[in-house]
Protein backbone atom coordinates (compact mmCIF):
# COMPACT_ATOMS: atom_id res chain seq x y z
CA GLN A 1 1.02 -18.00 9.21
CA VAL A 2 1.43 -14.43 8.04
CA GLN A 3 -1.18 -13.35 5.52
CA LEU A 4 -1.73 -10.02 3.82
CA VAL A 5 -4.84 -9.58 1.68
CA GLU A 6 -5.20 -6.46 -0.45
CA SER A 7 -8.37 -5.06 -1.98
CA GLY A 8 -9.63 -1.88 -3.59
CA GLY A 9 -7.76 -1.75 -6.88
CA GLY A 10 -9.40 -0.98 -10.18
CA MET A 11 -9.44 1.34 -13.15
CA VAL A 12 -9.85 5.07 -12.74
CA GLN A 13 -9.46 8.15 -14.91
CA PRO A 14 -6.59 10.59 -14.36
CA GLY A 15 -7.38 12.85 -11.44
CA GLY A 16 -9.53 10.23 -9.78
CA SER A 17 -9.19 8.49 -6.44
CA LEU A 18 -8.93 4.96 -5.10
CA ARG A 19 -8.57 3.51 -1.63
CA LEU A 20 -6.59 0.33 -1.11
CA SER A 21 -6.93 -1.82 1.98
CA CYS A 22 -4.77 -4.57 3.41
CA VAL A 23 -6.00 -6.95 6.08
CA ALA A 24 -3.23 -8.61 8.05
CA SER A 25 -3.46 -11.88 9.95
CA GLY A 26 -1.17 -14.37 11.63
CA PHE A 27 0.81 -11.75 13.51
CA ASN A 28 0.23 -8.66 15.63
CA SER A 29 0.41 -6.00 12.92
CA ARG A 30 0.43 -3.14 15.41
CA GLU A 31 3.98 -4.12 16.38
CA TYR A 32 5.39 -3.67 12.88
CA THR A 33 5.93 -1.06 10.25
CA MET A 34 3.49 -1.69 7.42
CA SER A 35 4.22 -0.63 3.86
CA TRP A 36 2.76 -0.35 0.39
CA TYR A 37 4.93 -1.07 -2.64
CA ARG A 38 4.10 -1.00 -6.32
CA GLN A 39 5.49 -2.54 -9.46
CA ALA A 40 4.79 -1.25 -12.94
CA PRO A 41 5.39 -3.38 -16.05
CA GLY A 42 9.09 -3.57 -16.83
CA LYS A 43 10.08 -1.73 -13.67
CA GLU A 44 11.41 -2.72 -10.27
CA ARG A 45 9.17 -2.87 -7.25
CA GLU A 46 9.32 0.41 -5.36
CA LEU A 47 8.30 1.61 -1.92
CA VAL A 48 5.29 3.91 -2.07
CA ALA A 49 4.51 4.56 1.60
CA ALA A 50 5.16 3.17 5.06
CA ILE A 51 3.68 3.72 8.50
CA VAL A 52 5.45 2.83 11.73
CA SER A 53 4.17 0.52 14.43
CA TYR A 54 1.76 1.97 16.99
CA GLY A 55 2.24 5.56 15.92
CA SER A 56 1.14 7.68 13.00
CA THR A 57 4.55 8.56 11.57
CA SER A 58 4.65 7.82 7.87
CA THR A 59 6.97 8.21 4.92
CA TYR A 60 6.24 8.55 1.21
CA ALA A 61 7.99 8.28 -2.11
CA ASP A 62 8.57 11.72 -3.59
CA SER A 63 6.37 10.82 -6.54
CA VAL A 64 3.27 10.41 -4.35
CA LYS A 65 3.80 13.02 -1.62
CA GLY A 66 0.76 15.22 -1.20
CA ARG A 67 -1.45 12.82 -3.15
CA PHE A 68 -1.36 9.54 -1.21
CA THR A 69 -2.06 8.96 2.47
CA ILE A 70 -1.25 5.79 4.40
CA SER A 71 -3.14 4.98 7.57
CA ARG A 72 -3.69 2.05 9.90
CA ASP A 73 -6.43 0.72 12.12
CA ASN A 74 -4.68 -1.47 14.66
CA ALA A 75 -7.96 -2.68 16.12
CA LYS A 76 -8.84 -4.16 12.73
CA ASN A 77 -5.29 -5.16 11.70
CA THR A 78 -5.77 -3.08 8.60
CA VAL A 79 -3.57 -0.66 6.70
CA SER A 80 -5.00 1.55 3.97
CA LEU A 81 -3.68 3.71 1.17
CA GLN A 82 -5.84 6.62 0.03
CA MET A 83 -4.76 7.66 -3.45
CA ASN A 84 -5.95 11.00 -4.83
CA SER A 85 -5.14 12.94 -7.99
CA LEU A 86 -4.08 9.73 -9.68
CA LYS A 87 -1.84 9.90 -12.73
CA PRO A 88 -1.23 7.40 -15.54
CA GLU A 89 2.24 6.81 -14.10
CA ASP A 90 0.62 5.47 -10.92
CA THR A 91 -0.52 2.44 -12.92
CA ALA A 92 0.97 -0.64 -11.27
CA VAL A 93 0.29 -3.66 -9.12
CA TYR A 94 0.21 -2.50 -5.50
CA TYR A 95 1.46 -4.80 -2.75
CA CYS A 96 1.04 -4.71 0.99
CA ASN A 97 4.21 -5.56 2.88
CA VAL A 98 5.54 -6.28 6.33
CA ARG A 99 9.07 -7.17 7.34
CA ILE A 100 9.25 -9.54 10.30
CA ILE A 101 12.84 -10.00 11.49
CA THR A 102 14.57 -10.70 8.15
CA THR A 103 11.60 -11.98 6.14
CA MET A 104 9.62 -9.77 3.78
CA HIS A 105 5.98 -10.84 3.55
CA TRP A 106 3.82 -9.81 0.61
CA GLY A 107 0.18 -9.86 -0.31
CA GLN A 108 -1.01 -11.11 -3.67
CA GLY A 109 -1.20 -7.58 -5.07
CA THR A 110 -4.02 -5.48 -6.47
CA GLN A 111 -3.99 -3.85 -9.91
CA VAL A 112 -4.42 -0.09 -10.21
CA THR A 113 -4.88 1.28 -13.70
CA VAL A 114 -5.10 5.01 -14.38
CA SER A 115 -6.26 5.70 -17.90
CA SER A 116 -8.65 7.87 -19.85
């Protein structure tokens, strides 16, 4: 059974940093691209960052380039999202994601709130 468990969300002031983590189980995460999405109130869920299987190649939404860094530790089946220089518009629920064949699997989400 595929499970994704996120942690690390919280409230931070503008300009601050947070680090999100996602622990994967029930599948060999190193074989799959792992992603972070977010969904703000009243908006559609959007892709924030993704990192390919085995390697270190990653992609980012334009809105977070230069501020967020995605990484993975295949030995620990973990993918992380380091978020720096946070802005109020980064406020959202952040979800860990993996697509296996045609099925999208999601974690429960972790709330990130950026506010003064």
